Amino acid sequence: MTTERVTIDLAENGVAQVRFNRPDKMNALDPAQFEAIIETGNRLRSMKGLRAVVLAGEGRAFCAGLDVSSFTATHDGDRAPLTARTHDNANIFQEVAMTWRKCPVPVVAAIHGVCFGGGLQIASGADIRVVHPATRLAIMELKWGLVPDMGGYRLWRGLVRDDVLRELVYTNREFSGAEAQALGLATHVTEDPLGKANDIANEIASRNPDAIRGAKRLTEAMLEKSGDEILLAESQEQAAVMRTPNQIEAVMAGMQKRAPKFTDS
């Protein structure tokens, strides 16, 4: 399945390969790219058999950030105000990053080349980030006299230490993939980010899909809810998967030392 700007390829094991497909512009974000990413996120949410997503960019970069020239050519009157919640709890700019958190299955981003500004905020929406050591990254917005406003502050909570985030935002300094892990913005650093991302996604796809989705919901709840609400949410998610066919299959496959055969609920 494809759109002009984003491609989706669903494998038999339920891992979807999603690629930003604007390599001539280093996958920079213009209005058409925003729409294509949001459309892709919406399609993934309802996709049957989906177990995990590997997100990457075609060509020389993951995403170079905002294509400034395309937006200066668009009159502000043609767009909804930034404060309008046009996509549930977000505006269109925030949704391209938040859609990966709204995806019901884990998203593993493989990041190479350049990952600036909006591109870094999109990557931060993934559950797991695998980065090439030579990748160039930056929270770029202050360079243009702007503030990060594509979901970054929501997504960086729990990832980046407060004072580290302040320095990265205030100075918009560039840092490498090798440094990203120490800063809290990379899960793994490797010479083969796409290969590592696929290894992780394939491992996720071998687990009970109902439990994986419940675990993702709990991880999001951990950032939003009170302690008592989290305890209750844990119990609710566990009650929903215990003694179900997929949970029983996970146990039987482990005992019999074979690959499990899960079904969609």
Protein backbone atom coordinates (compact mmCIF):
# COMPACT_ATOMS: atom_id res chain seq x y z
CA MET A 1 0.00 0.00 0.00
CA THR A 2 1.36 3.40 -0.86
CA THR A 3 0.68 7.06 -0.96
CA GLU A 4 2.84 9.36 -3.04
CA ARG A 5 4.81 10.58 -0.04
CA VAL A 6 4.73 7.61 2.37
CA THR A 7 4.89 3.88 1.65
CA ILE A 8 3.54 1.00 3.74
CA ASP A 9 4.54 -2.64 3.25
CA LEU A 10 2.96 -5.16 5.64
CA ALA A 11 4.92 -8.41 6.03
CA GLU A 12 3.37 -11.79 6.79
CA ASN A 13 4.46 -11.57 10.43
CA GLY A 14 2.57 -8.30 10.88
CA VAL A 15 5.54 -5.91 10.81
CA ALA A 16 4.74 -2.87 8.66
CA GLN A 17 7.63 -1.13 6.92
CA VAL A 18 6.71 2.57 6.73
CA ARG A 19 8.95 4.90 4.74
CA PHE A 20 8.95 8.64 4.25
CA ASN A 21 9.32 8.89 0.50
CA ARG A 22 10.55 12.35 -0.42
CA PRO A 23 14.25 11.56 -0.80
CA ASP A 24 15.01 14.47 -3.14
CA LYS A 25 14.13 16.86 -0.27
CA MET A 26 15.60 14.69 2.51
CA ASN A 27 12.00 13.90 3.51
CA ALA A 28 11.40 17.50 4.58
CA LEU A 29 7.89 18.40 5.70
CA ASP A 30 5.72 20.34 3.30
CA PRO A 31 1.88 20.40 3.41
CA ALA A 32 1.56 17.28 1.26
CA GLN A 33 4.00 15.41 3.50
CA PHE A 34 2.04 16.37 6.62
CA GLU A 35 -1.17 15.06 5.07
CA ALA A 36 0.47 11.84 3.87
CA ILE A 37 1.96 11.07 7.30
CA ILE A 38 -1.37 11.67 9.03
CA GLU A 39 -3.19 9.51 6.47
CA THR A 40 -0.64 6.76 7.06
CA GLY A 41 -1.12 6.94 10.82
CA ASN A 42 -4.88 6.68 10.41
CA ARG A 43 -4.54 3.64 8.16
CA LEU A 44 -2.21 1.87 10.56
CA ARG A 45 -4.70 2.25 13.41
CA SER A 46 -7.29 0.17 11.59
CA MET A 47 -4.94 -2.26 9.80
CA LYS A 48 -5.74 -5.93 10.37
CA GLY A 49 -2.90 -8.18 11.44
CA LEU A 50 -0.60 -5.31 12.43
CA ARG A 51 1.96 -6.29 15.08
CA ALA A 52 4.68 -3.60 14.91
CA VAL A 53 5.90 -0.73 12.72
CA VAL A 54 9.39 0.07 11.48
CA LEU A 55 9.57 3.76 10.54
CA ALA A 56 12.41 5.12 8.39
CA GLY A 57 13.22 7.60 5.64
CA GLU A 58 14.21 6.87 2.06
CA GLY A 59 17.41 8.35 0.69
CA ARG A 60 19.99 10.28 2.68
CA ALA A 61 17.92 11.27 5.71
CA PHE A 62 15.21 10.31 8.13
CA CYS A 63 13.65 13.79 7.98
CA ALA A 64 15.32 17.19 7.61
CA GLY A 65 12.46 18.99 9.35
CA LEU A 66 10.16 21.68 8.02
CA ASP A 67 10.37 22.63 4.35
CA VAL A 68 10.32 26.35 5.15
CA SER A 69 9.97 27.48 1.52
CA SER A 70 6.72 25.56 1.06
CA PHE A 71 5.09 27.24 4.05
CA THR A 72 6.21 30.77 3.27
CA ALA A 73 4.37 30.35 -0.03
CA THR A 74 1.11 29.53 1.81
CA HIS A 75 -0.99 32.34 3.23
CA ASP A 76 -1.81 32.02 6.92
CA GLY A 77 -5.46 32.60 6.09
CA ASP A 78 -5.48 29.27 4.24
CA ARG A 79 -4.73 27.32 7.43
CA ALA A 80 -6.60 26.72 10.68
CA PRO A 81 -5.13 28.60 13.66
CA LEU A 82 -2.47 26.67 15.57
CA THR A 83 -4.70 26.58 18.64
CA ALA A 84 -7.46 24.71 16.78
CA ARG A 85 -7.56 21.02 17.78
CA THR A 86 -8.15 19.68 14.28
CA HIS A 87 -6.95 16.13 15.02
CA ASP A 88 -8.45 15.01 18.33
CA ASN A 89 -6.09 16.59 20.92
CA ALA A 90 -3.63 18.05 18.37
CA ASN A 91 -3.28 20.37 15.41
CA ILE A 92 -1.99 19.10 12.06
CA PHE A 93 1.64 19.86 12.92
CA GLN A 94 1.49 18.00 16.24
CA GLU A 95 -0.41 15.07 14.76
CA VAL A 96 2.49 13.97 12.53
CA ALA A 97 4.45 13.20 15.72
CA MET A 98 1.58 12.16 18.00
CA THR A 99 0.11 9.73 15.46
CA TRP A 100 2.90 7.25 16.26
CA ARG A 101 1.94 7.28 19.94
CA LYS A 102 -1.69 6.85 18.93
CA CYS A 103 -0.73 3.83 16.83
CA PRO A 104 -1.96 0.78 18.79
CA VAL A 105 1.27 -1.21 18.25
CA PRO A 106 4.90 -0.34 19.00
CA VAL A 107 6.71 1.86 16.48
CA VAL A 108 10.47 1.46 16.04
CA ALA A 109 12.19 4.34 14.24
CA ALA A 110 15.41 3.73 12.29
CA ILE A 111 17.17 7.09 12.05
CA HIS A 112 20.02 7.99 9.71
CA GLY A 113 21.48 10.98 7.91
CA VAL A 114 19.69 14.07 9.21
CA CYS A 115 16.96 14.37 11.83
CA PHE A 116 16.26 18.04 12.52
CA GLY A 117 13.42 20.02 14.06
CA GLY A 118 10.09 18.49 13.15
CA GLY A 119 11.89 15.34 12.06
CA LEU A 120 13.25 14.86 15.58
CA GLN A 121 9.81 15.47 17.06
CA ILE A 122 8.37 12.81 14.72
CA ALA A 123 11.11 10.38 15.73
CA SER A 124 10.33 11.13 19.37
CA GLY A 125 6.81 9.86 18.76
CA ALA A 126 8.17 6.36 18.16
CA ASP A 127 8.29 3.91 21.05
CA ILE A 128 11.92 3.04 20.30
CA ARG A 129 14.60 4.95 18.37
CA VAL A 130 17.59 3.26 16.72
CA VAL A 131 20.13 5.79 15.47
CA HIS A 132 23.24 5.62 13.31
CA PRO A 133 26.21 7.13 15.18
CA ALA A 134 26.88 9.63 12.38
CA THR A 135 23.30 10.93 12.26
CA ARG A 136 23.02 14.70 12.69
CA LEU A 137 20.23 15.73 15.08
CA ALA A 138 19.00 19.01 16.51
CA ILE A 139 15.99 20.65 18.11
CA MET A 140 16.26 23.30 15.43
CA GLU A 141 13.32 25.67 15.95
CA LEU A 142 15.11 28.45 17.87
CA LYS A 143 17.40 28.91 14.88
CA TRP A 144 14.38 30.30 13.04
CA GLY A 145 13.07 32.28 16.02
CA LEU A 146 10.40 29.66 16.78
CA VAL A 147 9.63 27.26 19.60
CA PRO A 148 9.25 23.48 19.22
CA ASP A 149 5.52 22.96 18.73
CA MET A 150 5.04 19.61 16.99
CA GLY A 151 4.43 17.54 20.10
CA GLY A 152 8.03 17.58 21.27
CA TYR A 153 7.40 18.84 24.76
CA ARG A 154 4.78 16.14 25.31
CA LEU A 155 6.99 13.42 23.84
CA TRP A 156 10.27 14.40 25.50
CA ARG A 157 8.72 14.15 28.96
CA GLY A 158 10.35 11.15 30.58
CA LEU A 159 13.01 10.88 27.84
CA VAL A 160 15.31 13.84 28.34
CA ARG A 161 16.58 15.32 31.61
CA ASP A 162 15.12 18.77 32.23
CA ASP A 163 18.34 20.78 32.07
CA VAL A 164 19.57 18.82 29.04
CA LEU A 165 16.34 19.55 27.17
CA ARG A 166 16.56 23.24 28.01
CA GLU A 167 20.09 23.46 26.62
CA LEU A 168 19.19 21.61 23.42
CA VAL A 169 16.15 23.83 22.84
CA TYR A 170 17.69 27.17 23.78
CA THR A 171 20.87 26.73 21.74
CA ASN A 172 19.55 24.47 18.92
CA ARG A 173 22.99 22.88 18.95
CA GLU A 174 23.57 19.95 16.65
CA PHE A 175 24.54 16.61 18.19
CA SER A 176 25.46 13.22 16.76
CA GLY A 177 23.70 9.90 16.89
CA ALA A 178 26.56 8.69 19.07
CA GLU A 179 25.65 11.37 21.64
CA ALA A 180 21.88 10.93 21.31
CA GLN A 181 21.74 7.89 23.56
CA ALA A 182 23.43 9.68 26.46
CA LEU A 183 21.05 12.61 26.01
CA GLY A 184 18.01 10.33 26.19
CA LEU A 185 16.92 10.65 22.56
CA ALA A 186 18.13 7.27 21.27
CA THR A 187 17.40 3.78 22.53
CA HIS A 188 20.19 2.13 20.54
CA VAL A 189 23.11 3.45 18.49
CA THR A 190 24.36 1.17 15.73
CA GLU A 191 25.95 1.18 12.29
CA ASP A 192 22.84 -0.65 10.97
CA PRO A 193 19.81 1.12 12.45
CA LEU A 194 17.33 -0.40 10.00
CA GLY A 195 18.58 -3.92 10.67
CA LYS A 196 18.42 -3.42 14.44
CA ALA A 197 14.96 -1.82 14.18
CA ASN A 198 13.72 -4.83 12.23
CA ASP A 199 15.20 -7.24 14.77
CA ILE A 200 13.30 -5.45 17.54
CA ALA A 201 10.05 -5.28 15.54
CA ASN A 202 10.26 -8.95 14.63
CA GLU A 203 10.75 -9.85 18.28
CA ILE A 204 7.72 -7.75 19.24
CA ALA A 205 5.69 -9.44 16.49
CA SER A 206 6.39 -12.82 18.10
CA ARG A 207 4.60 -11.80 21.33
CA ASN A 208 0.90 -11.94 22.23
CA PRO A 209 -0.48 -9.02 20.19
CA ASP A 210 -3.21 -8.31 22.74
CA ALA A 211 -0.66 -8.02 25.54
CA ILE A 212 1.64 -5.86 23.41
CA ARG A 213 -1.20 -3.41 22.71
CA GLY A 214 -2.16 -3.37 26.36
CA ALA A 215 1.44 -2.73 27.38
CA LYS A 216 1.63 0.22 25.00
CA ARG A 217 -1.57 1.67 26.47
CA LEU A 218 -0.12 1.27 29.97
CA THR A 219 3.12 2.95 28.99
CA GLU A 220 1.18 5.96 27.72
CA ALA A 221 -1.00 5.96 30.85
CA MET A 222 2.14 6.03 32.99
CA LEU A 223 2.90 9.51 31.62
CA GLU A 224 -0.59 10.90 32.14
CA LYS A 225 -2.36 9.24 35.06
CA SER A 226 -2.05 9.28 38.84
CA GLY A 227 -0.49 6.41 40.74
CA ASP A 228 -3.86 4.99 41.74
CA GLU A 229 -5.14 5.24 38.16
CA ILE A 230 -2.08 3.37 36.88
CA LEU A 231 -2.62 0.55 39.38
CA LEU A 232 -6.20 0.17 38.23
CA ALA A 233 -5.20 0.35 34.56
CA GLU A 234 -2.68 -2.47 35.09
CA SER A 235 -5.39 -4.65 36.59
CA GLN A 236 -7.83 -3.85 33.80
CA GLU A 237 -5.32 -4.65 31.05
CA GLN A 238 -4.27 -7.90 32.75
CA ALA A 239 -7.86 -9.00 33.24
CA ALA A 240 -8.50 -8.37 29.54
CA VAL A 241 -5.74 -10.77 28.38
CA MET A 242 -5.67 -13.51 31.02
CA ARG A 243 -6.95 -16.91 29.83
CA THR A 244 -7.71 -15.61 26.36
CA PRO A 245 -6.77 -17.77 23.35
CA ASN A 246 -3.71 -15.67 22.52
CA GLN A 247 -2.47 -15.72 26.11
CA ILE A 248 -2.92 -19.48 26.31
CA GLU A 249 -1.14 -19.85 22.95
CA ALA A 250 1.80 -17.83 24.31
CA VAL A 251 2.12 -20.25 27.24
CA MET A 252 1.72 -23.37 25.11
CA ALA A 253 4.23 -22.20 22.50
CA GLY A 254 6.76 -21.49 25.23
CA MET A 255 6.26 -24.87 26.86
CA GLN A 256 6.43 -26.68 23.53
CA LYS A 257 9.42 -24.62 22.32
CA ARG A 258 7.74 -23.57 19.06
CA ALA A 259 6.74 -20.38 17.35
CA PRO A 260 3.34 -19.13 18.54
CA LYS A 261 0.35 -18.76 16.20
CA PHE A 262 -1.67 -15.77 17.31
CA THR A 263 -4.99 -14.52 15.92
CA ASP A 264 -6.46 -11.04 15.71
CA SER A 265 -8.96 -10.34 18.47
